[in-house]
Amino acid sequence: MDGDARAALEALIRERREDYASLSRLLGRNPAYIQQFIKRGVPKKLDEEDRRTLARYFGVGEAMLGGPEDEREELISVPVLDVQASAGHGAFAGDERARARMRFDPSWLRGLKLDPAQLSVIQVVGDSMSPTLDDGDDILVDLSDGAAGVRDGVYVLRLDGALNVKRLVVDRARGRVSVKSDNPAYTSWPTLDPSRLDVIGRVVWAGRRLA
């Protein structure tokens, strides 16, 4: 098991392009600590707090790094809001109460560096973002990723009082933002001042119903 934990940690370090010394400092250890654990087996197993810190940093379960096999983290409950975001002509927001809950793996959320308190699920209506998003898709929206740090990506924003899902393309050299529909049959806005955008949050995941 300890050998498996060392191999798993080494694979994570290689995959994420981390280095031994930086991770050792993350744990408050001497710079050679992680290298000695992986290459020399010293210590034989990670300290419980070190293991927990590394698992959270990499967004994996502690069992992968030598924790108890039966350890399970409780799934994170994210509200499904009673609103719709238009990917067509525009649907006005309704009452923003949670009509349901959707549960996500906390390790997966940590791996994406998402704060559960800043997440909501809403439904897409219309086909202006097809094929990226279709009518009826559920989307996970990161409410902390709004106008202040807007970058290229798919966002929920309010246009003329309606919630919309659109692709934003940022031209930092000119200080402009393009608001685009992935479906070419629909309108796009090629040169908007960022200050005109009321950005709700960034779309980080989509769930689709299969026919």
N, C-alpha and C. Protein backbone atom coordinates (compact mmCIF):
# COMPACT_ATOMS: atom_id res chain seq x y z
N MET A 1 0.82 -1.20 0.00
CA MET A 1 0.00 0.00 0.00
C MET A 1 0.86 1.26 0.00
N ASP A 2 1.93 1.28 0.86
CA ASP A 2 2.80 2.45 0.90
C ASP A 2 3.49 2.67 -0.44
N GLY A 3 3.90 1.56 -1.09
CA GLY A 3 4.50 1.68 -2.41
C GLY A 3 3.52 2.23 -3.42
N ASP A 4 2.25 1.83 -3.32
CA ASP A 4 1.22 2.35 -4.21
C ASP A 4 1.04 3.85 -3.99
N ALA A 5 1.08 4.28 -2.73
CA ALA A 5 0.92 5.71 -2.42
C ALA A 5 2.07 6.53 -3.00
N ARG A 6 3.29 5.99 -2.89
CA ARG A 6 4.45 6.71 -3.45
C ARG A 6 4.34 6.79 -4.97
N ALA A 7 3.95 5.70 -5.60
CA ALA A 7 3.80 5.69 -7.07
C ALA A 7 2.70 6.65 -7.50
N ALA A 8 1.59 6.68 -6.75
CA ALA A 8 0.49 7.57 -7.10
C ALA A 8 0.90 9.03 -6.97
N LEU A 9 1.63 9.34 -5.89
CA LEU A 9 2.07 10.72 -5.70
C LEU A 9 3.06 11.13 -6.78
N GLU A 10 3.98 10.24 -7.13
CA GLU A 10 4.94 10.56 -8.19
C GLU A 10 4.22 10.79 -9.52
N ALA A 11 3.19 9.98 -9.80
CA ALA A 11 2.43 10.15 -11.05
C ALA A 11 1.70 11.49 -11.06
N LEU A 12 1.13 11.89 -9.93
CA LEU A 12 0.45 13.18 -9.85
C LEU A 12 1.42 14.33 -10.06
N ILE A 13 2.59 14.23 -9.46
CA ILE A 13 3.61 15.27 -9.61
C ILE A 13 4.03 15.41 -11.07
N ARG A 14 4.24 14.27 -11.72
CA ARG A 14 4.65 14.29 -13.12
C ARG A 14 3.54 14.84 -14.02
N GLU A 15 2.31 14.40 -13.76
CA GLU A 15 1.17 14.83 -14.58
C GLU A 15 0.90 16.33 -14.44
N ARG A 16 1.01 16.85 -13.20
CA ARG A 16 0.70 18.27 -12.96
C ARG A 16 1.93 19.17 -13.10
N ARG A 17 3.07 18.56 -13.43
CA ARG A 17 4.33 19.30 -13.61
C ARG A 17 4.71 20.08 -12.35
N GLU A 18 4.56 19.41 -11.22
CA GLU A 18 4.98 19.97 -9.94
C GLU A 18 6.43 19.56 -9.69
N ASP A 19 6.98 20.00 -8.56
CA ASP A 19 8.32 19.56 -8.21
C ASP A 19 8.36 19.22 -6.72
N TYR A 20 9.31 18.36 -6.39
CA TYR A 20 9.40 17.85 -5.02
C TYR A 20 9.57 18.96 -3.99
N ALA A 21 10.46 19.88 -4.26
CA ALA A 21 10.79 20.91 -3.28
C ALA A 21 9.60 21.81 -2.98
N SER A 22 8.86 22.20 -4.02
CA SER A 22 7.71 23.09 -3.82
C SER A 22 6.64 22.40 -2.98
N LEU A 23 6.40 21.12 -3.24
CA LEU A 23 5.41 20.39 -2.45
C LEU A 23 5.87 20.21 -1.01
N SER A 24 7.16 20.00 -0.83
CA SER A 24 7.69 19.89 0.53
C SER A 24 7.46 21.19 1.29
N ARG A 25 7.69 22.32 0.62
CA ARG A 25 7.46 23.61 1.27
C ARG A 25 5.98 23.83 1.57
N LEU A 26 5.11 23.33 0.68
CA LEU A 26 3.67 23.42 0.93
C LEU A 26 3.30 22.76 2.26
N LEU A 27 4.03 21.68 2.60
CA LEU A 27 3.77 20.95 3.84
C LEU A 27 4.52 21.52 5.03
N GLY A 28 5.35 22.54 4.77
CA GLY A 28 6.17 23.08 5.85
C GLY A 28 7.33 22.19 6.21
N ARG A 29 7.77 21.37 5.26
CA ARG A 29 8.87 20.42 5.48
C ARG A 29 10.14 20.90 4.79
N ASN A 30 11.25 20.20 5.05
CA ASN A 30 12.49 20.54 4.37
C ASN A 30 12.36 20.20 2.88
N PRO A 31 13.09 20.88 1.99
CA PRO A 31 12.89 20.74 0.54
C PRO A 31 13.04 19.32 0.00
N ALA A 32 13.74 18.45 0.73
CA ALA A 32 13.97 17.09 0.24
C ALA A 32 12.93 16.09 0.75
N TYR A 33 11.96 16.53 1.51
CA TYR A 33 11.04 15.63 2.20
C TYR A 33 10.27 14.73 1.22
N ILE A 34 9.62 15.33 0.20
CA ILE A 34 8.82 14.56 -0.74
C ILE A 34 9.69 13.63 -1.58
N GLN A 35 10.85 14.10 -2.00
CA GLN A 35 11.75 13.25 -2.80
C GLN A 35 12.19 12.04 -1.98
N GLN A 36 12.50 12.25 -0.71
CA GLN A 36 12.93 11.13 0.14
C GLN A 36 11.79 10.14 0.34
N PHE A 37 10.57 10.64 0.49
CA PHE A 37 9.42 9.75 0.66
C PHE A 37 9.23 8.88 -0.58
N ILE A 38 9.33 9.49 -1.76
CA ILE A 38 9.07 8.76 -3.00
C ILE A 38 10.23 7.84 -3.37
N LYS A 39 11.45 8.36 -3.30
CA LYS A 39 12.61 7.62 -3.80
C LYS A 39 13.22 6.67 -2.77
N ARG A 40 13.16 7.03 -1.49
CA ARG A 40 13.84 6.24 -0.47
C ARG A 40 12.89 5.59 0.52
N GLY A 41 11.61 5.95 0.44
CA GLY A 41 10.63 5.36 1.37
C GLY A 41 10.77 5.88 2.78
N VAL A 42 11.28 7.11 2.92
CA VAL A 42 11.45 7.73 4.24
C VAL A 42 10.70 9.08 4.24
N PRO A 43 9.66 9.20 5.07
CA PRO A 43 9.10 8.21 6.01
C PRO A 43 8.38 7.08 5.28
N LYS A 44 8.03 6.03 6.01
CA LYS A 44 7.37 4.88 5.39
C LYS A 44 5.98 5.24 4.87
N LYS A 45 5.31 6.14 5.58
CA LYS A 45 4.01 6.62 5.12
C LYS A 45 3.87 8.09 5.48
N LEU A 46 3.01 8.78 4.76
CA LEU A 46 2.81 10.21 4.97
C LEU A 46 2.10 10.46 6.30
N ASP A 47 2.51 11.52 6.96
CA ASP A 47 1.79 11.98 8.13
C ASP A 47 0.34 12.28 7.72
N GLU A 48 -0.59 12.04 8.61
CA GLU A 48 -2.01 12.20 8.29
C GLU A 48 -2.33 13.61 7.77
N GLU A 49 -1.78 14.64 8.42
CA GLU A 49 -2.04 16.01 7.99
C GLU A 49 -1.39 16.31 6.65
N ASP A 50 -0.18 15.77 6.43
CA ASP A 50 0.49 15.94 5.14
C ASP A 50 -0.31 15.27 4.03
N ARG A 51 -0.80 14.09 4.31
CA ARG A 51 -1.60 13.36 3.33
C ARG A 51 -2.86 14.13 2.97
N ARG A 52 -3.52 14.68 3.99
CA ARG A 52 -4.74 15.45 3.75
C ARG A 52 -4.46 16.69 2.92
N THR A 53 -3.37 17.38 3.23
CA THR A 53 -3.01 18.59 2.49
C THR A 53 -2.72 18.29 1.03
N LEU A 54 -1.96 17.22 0.78
CA LEU A 54 -1.63 16.85 -0.59
C LEU A 54 -2.87 16.39 -1.36
N ALA A 55 -3.75 15.64 -0.71
CA ALA A 55 -4.98 15.18 -1.37
C ALA A 55 -5.83 16.37 -1.78
N ARG A 56 -5.95 17.35 -0.91
CA ARG A 56 -6.73 18.54 -1.25
C ARG A 56 -6.06 19.34 -2.35
N TYR A 57 -4.76 19.44 -2.30
CA TYR A 57 -4.03 20.21 -3.32
C TYR A 57 -4.21 19.60 -4.71
N PHE A 58 -4.14 18.28 -4.79
CA PHE A 58 -4.26 17.61 -6.09
C PHE A 58 -5.71 17.28 -6.46
N GLY A 59 -6.62 17.44 -5.51
CA GLY A 59 -8.02 17.14 -5.79
C GLY A 59 -8.30 15.66 -5.93
N VAL A 60 -7.67 14.85 -5.07
CA VAL A 60 -7.88 13.39 -5.11
C VAL A 60 -8.29 12.92 -3.72
N GLY A 61 -8.77 11.69 -3.65
CA GLY A 61 -9.11 11.11 -2.37
C GLY A 61 -7.87 10.72 -1.59
N GLU A 62 -7.96 10.76 -0.27
CA GLU A 62 -6.80 10.43 0.57
C GLU A 62 -6.40 8.97 0.42
N ALA A 63 -7.34 8.10 0.06
CA ALA A 63 -7.02 6.68 -0.10
C ALA A 63 -5.95 6.48 -1.16
N MET A 64 -5.91 7.33 -2.18
CA MET A 64 -4.89 7.23 -3.22
C MET A 64 -3.49 7.44 -2.66
N LEU A 65 -3.38 8.22 -1.59
CA LEU A 65 -2.09 8.55 -1.00
C LEU A 65 -1.83 7.79 0.29
N GLY A 66 -2.54 6.69 0.47
CA GLY A 66 -2.28 5.85 1.63
C GLY A 66 -3.27 5.97 2.75
N GLY A 67 -4.35 6.72 2.55
CA GLY A 67 -5.39 6.85 3.56
C GLY A 67 -6.24 5.60 3.65
N PRO A 68 -7.14 5.55 4.61
CA PRO A 68 -8.01 4.38 4.78
C PRO A 68 -8.81 4.08 3.52
N GLU A 69 -8.89 2.81 3.17
CA GLU A 69 -9.59 2.42 1.95
C GLU A 69 -11.08 2.73 2.01
N ASP A 70 -11.65 2.69 3.22
CA ASP A 70 -13.10 2.89 3.33
C ASP A 70 -13.45 4.36 3.53
N GLU A 71 -12.46 5.24 3.43
CA GLU A 71 -12.73 6.67 3.63
C GLU A 71 -13.56 7.21 2.47
N ARG A 72 -14.64 7.90 2.80
CA ARG A 72 -15.49 8.50 1.77
C ARG A 72 -15.80 9.93 2.17
N GLU A 73 -15.68 10.82 1.23
CA GLU A 73 -16.07 12.20 1.48
C GLU A 73 -17.51 12.39 1.07
N GLU A 74 -18.22 13.19 1.84
CA GLU A 74 -19.61 13.47 1.52
C GLU A 74 -19.69 14.31 0.25
N LEU A 75 -20.62 13.96 -0.63
CA LEU A 75 -20.80 14.72 -1.85
C LEU A 75 -21.27 16.13 -1.54
N ILE A 76 -20.84 17.08 -2.36
CA ILE A 76 -21.20 18.48 -2.18
C ILE A 76 -22.52 18.75 -2.88
N SER A 77 -23.45 19.36 -2.17
CA SER A 77 -24.77 19.67 -2.71
C SER A 77 -24.77 21.08 -3.28
N VAL A 78 -25.10 21.20 -4.57
CA VAL A 78 -25.15 22.49 -5.25
C VAL A 78 -26.59 22.78 -5.66
N PRO A 79 -27.10 23.99 -5.38
CA PRO A 79 -28.49 24.29 -5.70
C PRO A 79 -28.75 24.37 -7.20
N VAL A 80 -29.87 23.79 -7.62
CA VAL A 80 -30.36 23.95 -8.99
C VAL A 80 -31.40 25.06 -8.92
N LEU A 81 -31.06 26.23 -9.47
CA LEU A 81 -31.91 27.41 -9.32
C LEU A 81 -33.11 27.36 -10.27
N ASP A 82 -34.18 27.98 -9.81
CA ASP A 82 -35.41 28.03 -10.58
C ASP A 82 -35.35 29.18 -11.59
N VAL A 83 -34.31 29.16 -12.42
CA VAL A 83 -34.15 30.15 -13.48
C VAL A 83 -33.67 29.41 -14.73
N GLN A 84 -33.80 30.07 -15.86
CA GLN A 84 -33.30 29.54 -17.11
C GLN A 84 -32.43 30.58 -17.78
N ALA A 85 -31.38 30.13 -18.45
CA ALA A 85 -30.50 31.03 -19.20
C ALA A 85 -30.69 30.74 -20.67
N SER A 86 -31.05 31.76 -21.42
CA SER A 86 -31.39 31.56 -22.81
C SER A 86 -30.16 31.38 -23.68
N ALA A 87 -30.24 30.40 -24.56
CA ALA A 87 -29.26 30.25 -25.62
C ALA A 87 -30.01 30.46 -26.94
N GLY A 88 -30.96 31.38 -26.88
CA GLY A 88 -31.76 31.70 -28.06
C GLY A 88 -32.13 33.17 -28.02
N HIS A 89 -33.42 33.45 -27.99
CA HIS A 89 -33.87 34.83 -28.09
C HIS A 89 -33.95 35.54 -26.74
N GLY A 90 -33.82 34.84 -25.64
CA GLY A 90 -33.82 35.51 -24.35
C GLY A 90 -34.97 35.08 -23.48
N ALA A 91 -34.68 34.57 -22.31
CA ALA A 91 -35.71 34.18 -21.35
C ALA A 91 -35.47 34.97 -20.07
N PHE A 92 -36.51 35.61 -19.57
CA PHE A 92 -36.35 36.42 -18.37
C PHE A 92 -36.18 35.53 -17.14
N ALA A 93 -35.34 35.99 -16.25
CA ALA A 93 -35.06 35.23 -15.04
C ALA A 93 -36.32 35.14 -14.18
N GLY A 94 -36.51 33.99 -13.58
CA GLY A 94 -37.63 33.81 -12.68
C GLY A 94 -37.18 33.96 -11.23
N ASP A 95 -37.89 33.34 -10.35
CA ASP A 95 -37.56 33.37 -8.93
C ASP A 95 -36.33 32.52 -8.70
N GLU A 96 -35.27 33.11 -8.13
CA GLU A 96 -34.00 32.41 -8.01
C GLU A 96 -33.94 31.55 -6.75
N ARG A 97 -34.98 30.78 -6.51
CA ARG A 97 -34.97 29.82 -5.41
C ARG A 97 -34.50 28.47 -5.93
N ALA A 98 -33.88 27.70 -5.04
CA ALA A 98 -33.44 26.36 -5.44
C ALA A 98 -34.66 25.46 -5.59
N ARG A 99 -34.79 24.83 -6.76
CA ARG A 99 -35.90 23.90 -6.99
C ARG A 99 -35.45 22.46 -6.80
N ALA A 100 -34.13 22.27 -6.69
CA ALA A 100 -33.58 20.92 -6.52
C ALA A 100 -32.13 21.06 -6.08
N ARG A 101 -31.48 19.92 -5.91
CA ARG A 101 -30.06 19.90 -5.55
C ARG A 101 -29.35 18.90 -6.45
N MET A 102 -28.13 19.23 -6.85
CA MET A 102 -27.31 18.30 -7.61
C MET A 102 -26.02 18.09 -6.84
N ARG A 103 -25.57 16.85 -6.72
CA ARG A 103 -24.41 16.55 -5.89
C ARG A 103 -23.18 16.28 -6.74
N PHE A 104 -22.04 16.83 -6.27
CA PHE A 104 -20.78 16.70 -7.00
C PHE A 104 -19.70 16.17 -6.06
N ASP A 105 -18.75 15.45 -6.66
CA ASP A 105 -17.61 14.90 -5.92
C ASP A 105 -16.71 16.05 -5.46
N PRO A 106 -16.45 16.18 -4.15
CA PRO A 106 -15.62 17.28 -3.66
C PRO A 106 -14.20 17.26 -4.23
N SER A 107 -13.66 16.06 -4.48
CA SER A 107 -12.32 15.99 -5.06
C SER A 107 -12.30 16.59 -6.46
N TRP A 108 -13.35 16.33 -7.23
CA TRP A 108 -13.45 16.89 -8.58
C TRP A 108 -13.55 18.41 -8.53
N LEU A 109 -14.33 18.93 -7.59
CA LEU A 109 -14.46 20.39 -7.46
C LEU A 109 -13.13 21.01 -7.05
N ARG A 110 -12.42 20.37 -6.13
CA ARG A 110 -11.12 20.91 -5.71
C ARG A 110 -10.13 20.90 -6.86
N GLY A 111 -10.17 19.84 -7.67
CA GLY A 111 -9.26 19.77 -8.80
C GLY A 111 -9.46 20.90 -9.78
N LEU A 112 -10.69 21.41 -9.88
CA LEU A 112 -10.99 22.54 -10.74
C LEU A 112 -10.87 23.87 -10.01
N LYS A 113 -10.46 23.80 -8.74
CA LYS A 113 -10.31 25.00 -7.90
C LYS A 113 -11.61 25.79 -7.80
N LEU A 114 -12.70 25.06 -7.55
CA LEU A 114 -14.02 25.67 -7.45
C LEU A 114 -14.47 25.70 -5.99
N ASP A 115 -15.06 26.82 -5.59
CA ASP A 115 -15.60 26.99 -4.24
C ASP A 115 -17.08 26.58 -4.28
N PRO A 116 -17.47 25.52 -3.57
CA PRO A 116 -18.86 25.06 -3.62
C PRO A 116 -19.87 26.14 -3.26
N ALA A 117 -19.48 27.08 -2.39
CA ALA A 117 -20.40 28.15 -1.98
C ALA A 117 -20.69 29.12 -3.11
N GLN A 118 -19.88 29.08 -4.17
CA GLN A 118 -20.04 30.01 -5.29
C GLN A 118 -20.58 29.33 -6.55
N LEU A 119 -21.21 28.17 -6.38
CA LEU A 119 -21.68 27.40 -7.54
C LEU A 119 -23.20 27.30 -7.56
N SER A 120 -23.75 27.33 -8.75
CA SER A 120 -25.18 27.10 -8.96
C SER A 120 -25.36 26.35 -10.26
N VAL A 121 -26.45 25.60 -10.33
CA VAL A 121 -26.82 24.91 -11.57
C VAL A 121 -28.09 25.57 -12.12
N ILE A 122 -28.08 25.89 -13.42
CA ILE A 122 -29.27 26.42 -14.07
C ILE A 122 -29.46 25.68 -15.40
N GLN A 123 -30.62 25.87 -16.00
CA GLN A 123 -30.95 25.16 -17.23
C GLN A 123 -30.86 26.08 -18.44
N VAL A 124 -30.41 25.53 -19.54
CA VAL A 124 -30.31 26.26 -20.80
C VAL A 124 -31.60 26.10 -21.59
N VAL A 125 -32.08 27.20 -22.18
CA VAL A 125 -33.21 27.11 -23.11
C VAL A 125 -32.78 27.71 -24.45
N GLY A 126 -33.18 27.10 -25.54
CA GLY A 126 -32.82 27.60 -26.86
C GLY A 126 -31.60 26.90 -27.42
N ASP A 127 -31.28 27.24 -28.68
CA ASP A 127 -30.21 26.53 -29.38
C ASP A 127 -29.14 27.45 -29.97
N SER A 128 -29.04 28.70 -29.48
CA SER A 128 -28.05 29.60 -30.07
C SER A 128 -26.62 29.21 -29.74
N MET A 129 -26.43 28.35 -28.71
CA MET A 129 -25.08 27.92 -28.36
C MET A 129 -24.81 26.49 -28.83
N SER A 130 -25.69 25.97 -29.64
CA SER A 130 -25.49 24.63 -30.22
C SER A 130 -24.34 24.67 -31.24
N PRO A 131 -23.47 23.68 -31.27
CA PRO A 131 -23.57 22.38 -30.60
C PRO A 131 -22.93 22.32 -29.21
N THR A 132 -22.36 23.44 -28.74
CA THR A 132 -21.71 23.41 -27.42
C THR A 132 -22.71 23.12 -26.32
N LEU A 133 -23.83 23.84 -26.35
CA LEU A 133 -24.90 23.66 -25.37
C LEU A 133 -26.23 23.55 -26.12
N ASP A 134 -27.06 22.63 -25.67
CA ASP A 134 -28.36 22.44 -26.31
C ASP A 134 -29.49 22.79 -25.36
N ASP A 135 -30.65 22.96 -25.92
CA ASP A 135 -31.85 23.24 -25.14
C ASP A 135 -32.07 22.12 -24.11
N GLY A 136 -32.25 22.51 -22.85
CA GLY A 136 -32.48 21.53 -21.79
C GLY A 136 -31.24 21.11 -21.03
N ASP A 137 -30.05 21.51 -21.48
CA ASP A 137 -28.83 21.17 -20.77
C ASP A 137 -28.79 21.85 -19.40
N ASP A 138 -28.24 21.15 -18.42
CA ASP A 138 -27.95 21.75 -17.11
C ASP A 138 -26.50 22.22 -17.12
N ILE A 139 -26.27 23.43 -16.63
CA ILE A 139 -24.91 23.97 -16.61
C ILE A 139 -24.53 24.37 -15.19
N LEU A 140 -23.28 24.09 -14.84
CA LEU A 140 -22.71 24.47 -13.55
C LEU A 140 -22.01 25.80 -13.73
N VAL A 141 -22.44 26.79 -12.96
CA VAL A 141 -21.95 28.16 -13.12
C VAL A 141 -21.13 28.57 -11.90
N ASP A 142 -19.90 29.03 -12.15
CA ASP A 142 -19.02 29.53 -11.09
C ASP A 142 -19.30 31.02 -10.92
N LEU A 143 -20.04 31.37 -9.87
CA LEU A 143 -20.46 32.75 -9.65
C LEU A 143 -19.31 33.65 -9.22
N SER A 144 -18.20 33.05 -8.79
CA SER A 144 -17.05 33.87 -8.37
C SER A 144 -16.24 34.35 -9.56
N ASP A 145 -16.48 33.75 -10.73
CA ASP A 145 -15.71 34.08 -11.94
C ASP A 145 -16.56 35.01 -12.80
N GLY A 146 -16.58 36.30 -12.43
CA GLY A 146 -17.45 37.25 -13.10
C GLY A 146 -16.70 38.28 -13.90
N ALA A 147 -17.27 39.48 -13.98
CA ALA A 147 -16.77 40.52 -14.88
C ALA A 147 -15.33 40.93 -14.57
N ALA A 148 -14.95 40.93 -13.29
CA ALA A 148 -13.62 41.42 -12.92
C ALA A 148 -12.50 40.64 -13.57
N GLY A 149 -12.68 39.34 -13.74
CA GLY A 149 -11.61 38.52 -14.32
C GLY A 149 -12.03 37.84 -15.60
N VAL A 150 -12.98 38.44 -16.32
CA VAL A 150 -13.52 37.77 -17.50
C VAL A 150 -12.43 37.49 -18.52
N ARG A 151 -12.51 36.30 -19.13
CA ARG A 151 -11.55 35.88 -20.14
C ARG A 151 -12.31 35.05 -21.17
N ASP A 152 -11.63 34.59 -22.18
CA ASP A 152 -12.30 33.79 -23.20
C ASP A 152 -12.99 32.58 -22.57
N GLY A 153 -14.24 32.37 -22.91
CA GLY A 153 -14.97 31.23 -22.37
C GLY A 153 -16.46 31.43 -22.50
N VAL A 154 -17.23 30.48 -21.98
CA VAL A 154 -18.69 30.54 -22.02
C VAL A 154 -19.19 31.06 -20.67
N TYR A 155 -20.04 32.06 -20.72
CA TYR A 155 -20.52 32.73 -19.51
C TYR A 155 -22.03 32.87 -19.52
N VAL A 156 -22.59 33.00 -18.31
CA VAL A 156 -23.97 33.44 -18.16
C VAL A 156 -23.91 34.94 -17.88
N LEU A 157 -24.67 35.72 -18.64
CA LEU A 157 -24.69 37.16 -18.46
C LEU A 157 -26.10 37.68 -18.66
N ARG A 158 -26.34 38.87 -18.14
CA ARG A 158 -27.66 39.48 -18.27
C ARG A 158 -27.61 40.54 -19.36
N LEU A 159 -28.45 40.36 -20.37
CA LEU A 159 -28.56 41.31 -21.48
C LEU A 159 -30.00 41.77 -21.56
N ASP A 160 -30.19 43.10 -21.43
CA ASP A 160 -31.54 43.67 -21.51
C ASP A 160 -32.51 42.99 -20.55
N GLY A 161 -32.03 42.68 -19.36
CA GLY A 161 -32.88 42.10 -18.34
C GLY A 161 -33.10 40.61 -18.43
N ALA A 162 -32.48 39.96 -19.42
CA ALA A 162 -32.66 38.52 -19.59
C ALA A 162 -31.34 37.80 -19.37
N LEU A 163 -31.43 36.60 -18.80
CA LEU A 163 -30.23 35.77 -18.64
C LEU A 163 -29.92 35.09 -19.96
N ASN A 164 -28.66 35.15 -20.36
CA ASN A 164 -28.22 34.52 -21.60
C ASN A 164 -26.95 33.73 -21.36
N VAL A 165 -26.75 32.70 -22.15
CA VAL A 165 -25.48 31.98 -22.17
C VAL A 165 -24.81 32.32 -23.50
N LYS A 166 -23.60 32.88 -23.43
CA LYS A 166 -22.89 33.29 -24.63
C LYS A 166 -21.40 33.04 -24.46
N ARG A 167 -20.71 32.98 -25.57
CA ARG A 167 -19.25 32.87 -25.56
C ARG A 167 -18.65 34.28 -25.59
N LEU A 168 -17.74 34.54 -24.66
CA LEU A 168 -17.04 35.83 -24.62
C LEU A 168 -15.63 35.64 -25.17
N VAL A 169 -15.24 36.54 -26.05
CA VAL A 169 -13.89 36.57 -26.59
C VAL A 169 -13.31 37.94 -26.27
N VAL A 170 -12.24 37.94 -25.49
CA VAL A 170 -11.69 39.19 -24.96
C VAL A 170 -10.53 39.68 -25.83
N ASP A 171 -10.61 40.94 -26.26
CA ASP A 171 -9.53 41.61 -26.99
C ASP A 171 -8.91 42.61 -26.02
N ARG A 172 -7.90 42.17 -25.28
CA ARG A 172 -7.31 43.02 -24.25
C ARG A 172 -6.57 44.21 -24.85
N ALA A 173 -6.02 44.05 -26.03
CA ALA A 173 -5.27 45.15 -26.67
C ALA A 173 -6.18 46.34 -26.93
N ARG A 174 -7.42 46.07 -27.33
CA ARG A 174 -8.36 47.15 -27.63
C ARG A 174 -9.35 47.41 -26.51
N GLY A 175 -9.28 46.59 -25.47
CA GLY A 175 -10.20 46.77 -24.35
C GLY A 175 -11.65 46.51 -24.73
N ARG A 176 -11.87 45.52 -25.58
CA ARG A 176 -13.21 45.19 -26.06
C ARG A 176 -13.51 43.71 -25.84
N VAL A 177 -14.78 43.39 -25.84
CA VAL A 177 -15.23 42.01 -25.69
C VAL A 177 -16.24 41.68 -26.78
N SER A 178 -16.10 40.52 -27.40
CA SER A 178 -17.08 40.03 -28.36
C SER A 178 -18.00 39.05 -27.64
N VAL A 179 -19.29 39.21 -27.86
CA VAL A 179 -20.29 38.29 -27.31
C VAL A 179 -20.82 37.47 -28.48
N LYS A 180 -20.56 36.18 -28.46
CA LYS A 180 -20.82 35.34 -29.63
C LYS A 180 -21.79 34.20 -29.32
N SER A 181 -22.57 33.84 -30.33
CA SER A 181 -23.39 32.64 -30.31
C SER A 181 -22.64 31.57 -31.11
N ASP A 182 -22.51 30.37 -30.56
CA ASP A 182 -21.82 29.30 -31.29
C ASP A 182 -22.60 28.84 -32.52
N ASN A 183 -23.91 29.02 -32.47
CA ASN A 183 -24.76 28.72 -33.62
C ASN A 183 -24.75 29.94 -34.55
N PRO A 184 -24.19 29.84 -35.76
CA PRO A 184 -24.05 31.00 -36.64
C PRO A 184 -25.37 31.60 -37.09
N ALA A 185 -26.48 30.91 -36.85
CA ALA A 185 -27.78 31.45 -37.24
C ALA A 185 -28.26 32.55 -36.31
N TYR A 186 -27.55 32.75 -35.19
CA TYR A 186 -27.98 33.72 -34.20
C TYR A 186 -27.03 34.92 -34.14
N THR A 187 -27.52 35.98 -33.55
CA THR A 187 -26.80 37.26 -33.47
C THR A 187 -25.60 37.16 -32.55
N SER A 188 -24.54 37.88 -32.93
CA SER A 188 -23.37 38.08 -32.07
C SER A 188 -23.13 39.58 -31.98
N TRP A 189 -22.42 39.98 -30.93
CA TRP A 189 -22.06 41.38 -30.74
C TRP A 189 -20.54 41.47 -30.75
N PRO A 190 -19.93 41.98 -31.84
CA PRO A 190 -18.48 41.84 -32.01
C PRO A 190 -17.61 42.78 -31.19
N THR A 191 -18.09 43.96 -30.82
CA THR A 191 -17.22 44.92 -30.13
C THR A 191 -17.98 45.66 -29.05
N LEU A 192 -18.00 45.10 -27.86
CA LEU A 192 -18.66 45.73 -26.73
C LEU A 192 -17.64 46.19 -25.71
N ASP A 193 -17.97 47.29 -25.04
CA ASP A 193 -17.17 47.75 -23.90
C ASP A 193 -17.45 46.79 -22.73
N PRO A 194 -16.40 46.23 -22.09
CA PRO A 194 -16.62 45.29 -20.98
C PRO A 194 -17.50 45.84 -19.87
N SER A 195 -17.50 47.16 -19.68
CA SER A 195 -18.29 47.77 -18.62
C SER A 195 -19.80 47.62 -18.88
N ARG A 196 -20.19 47.32 -20.12
CA ARG A 196 -21.60 47.14 -20.45
C ARG A 196 -22.11 45.75 -20.10
N LEU A 197 -21.19 44.86 -19.78
CA LEU A 197 -21.58 43.47 -19.52
C LEU A 197 -21.94 43.27 -18.05
N ASP A 198 -23.06 42.62 -17.83
CA ASP A 198 -23.47 42.21 -16.48
C ASP A 198 -23.26 40.70 -16.40
N VAL A 199 -22.03 40.32 -16.04
CA VAL A 199 -21.64 38.90 -16.05
C VAL A 199 -22.05 38.24 -14.74
N ILE A 200 -22.77 37.14 -14.85
CA ILE A 200 -23.21 36.39 -13.67
C ILE A 200 -22.15 35.39 -13.23
N GLY A 201 -21.57 34.66 -14.18
CA GLY A 201 -20.56 33.67 -13.83
C GLY A 201 -20.14 32.86 -15.05
N ARG A 202 -19.11 32.07 -14.87
CA ARG A 202 -18.54 31.27 -15.95
C ARG A 202 -19.10 29.85 -15.93
N VAL A 203 -19.42 29.32 -17.08
CA VAL A 203 -19.91 27.95 -17.20
C VAL A 203 -18.70 27.01 -17.15
N VAL A 204 -18.71 26.08 -16.19
CA VAL A 204 -17.56 25.19 -16.00
C VAL A 204 -17.89 23.72 -16.27
N TRP A 205 -19.18 23.42 -16.46
CA TRP A 205 -19.58 22.02 -16.70
C TRP A 205 -20.97 22.02 -17.29
N ALA A 206 -21.28 21.04 -18.10
CA ALA A 206 -22.63 20.90 -18.65
C ALA A 206 -23.06 19.44 -18.58
N GLY A 207 -24.31 19.21 -18.23
CA GLY A 207 -24.89 17.87 -18.21
C GLY A 207 -26.01 17.79 -19.23
N ARG A 208 -26.03 16.73 -19.99
CA ARG A 208 -26.98 16.63 -21.11
C ARG A 208 -27.85 15.39 -20.97
N ARG A 209 -29.13 15.57 -21.22
CA ARG A 209 -30.05 14.43 -21.24
C ARG A 209 -29.95 13.71 -22.58
N LEU A 210 -29.89 12.40 -22.54
CA LEU A 210 -29.84 11.62 -23.77
C LEU A 210 -31.23 11.18 -24.17
N ALA A 211 -31.51 11.26 -25.45
CA ALA A 211 -32.84 10.88 -25.95
C ALA A 211 -33.03 9.37 -25.83
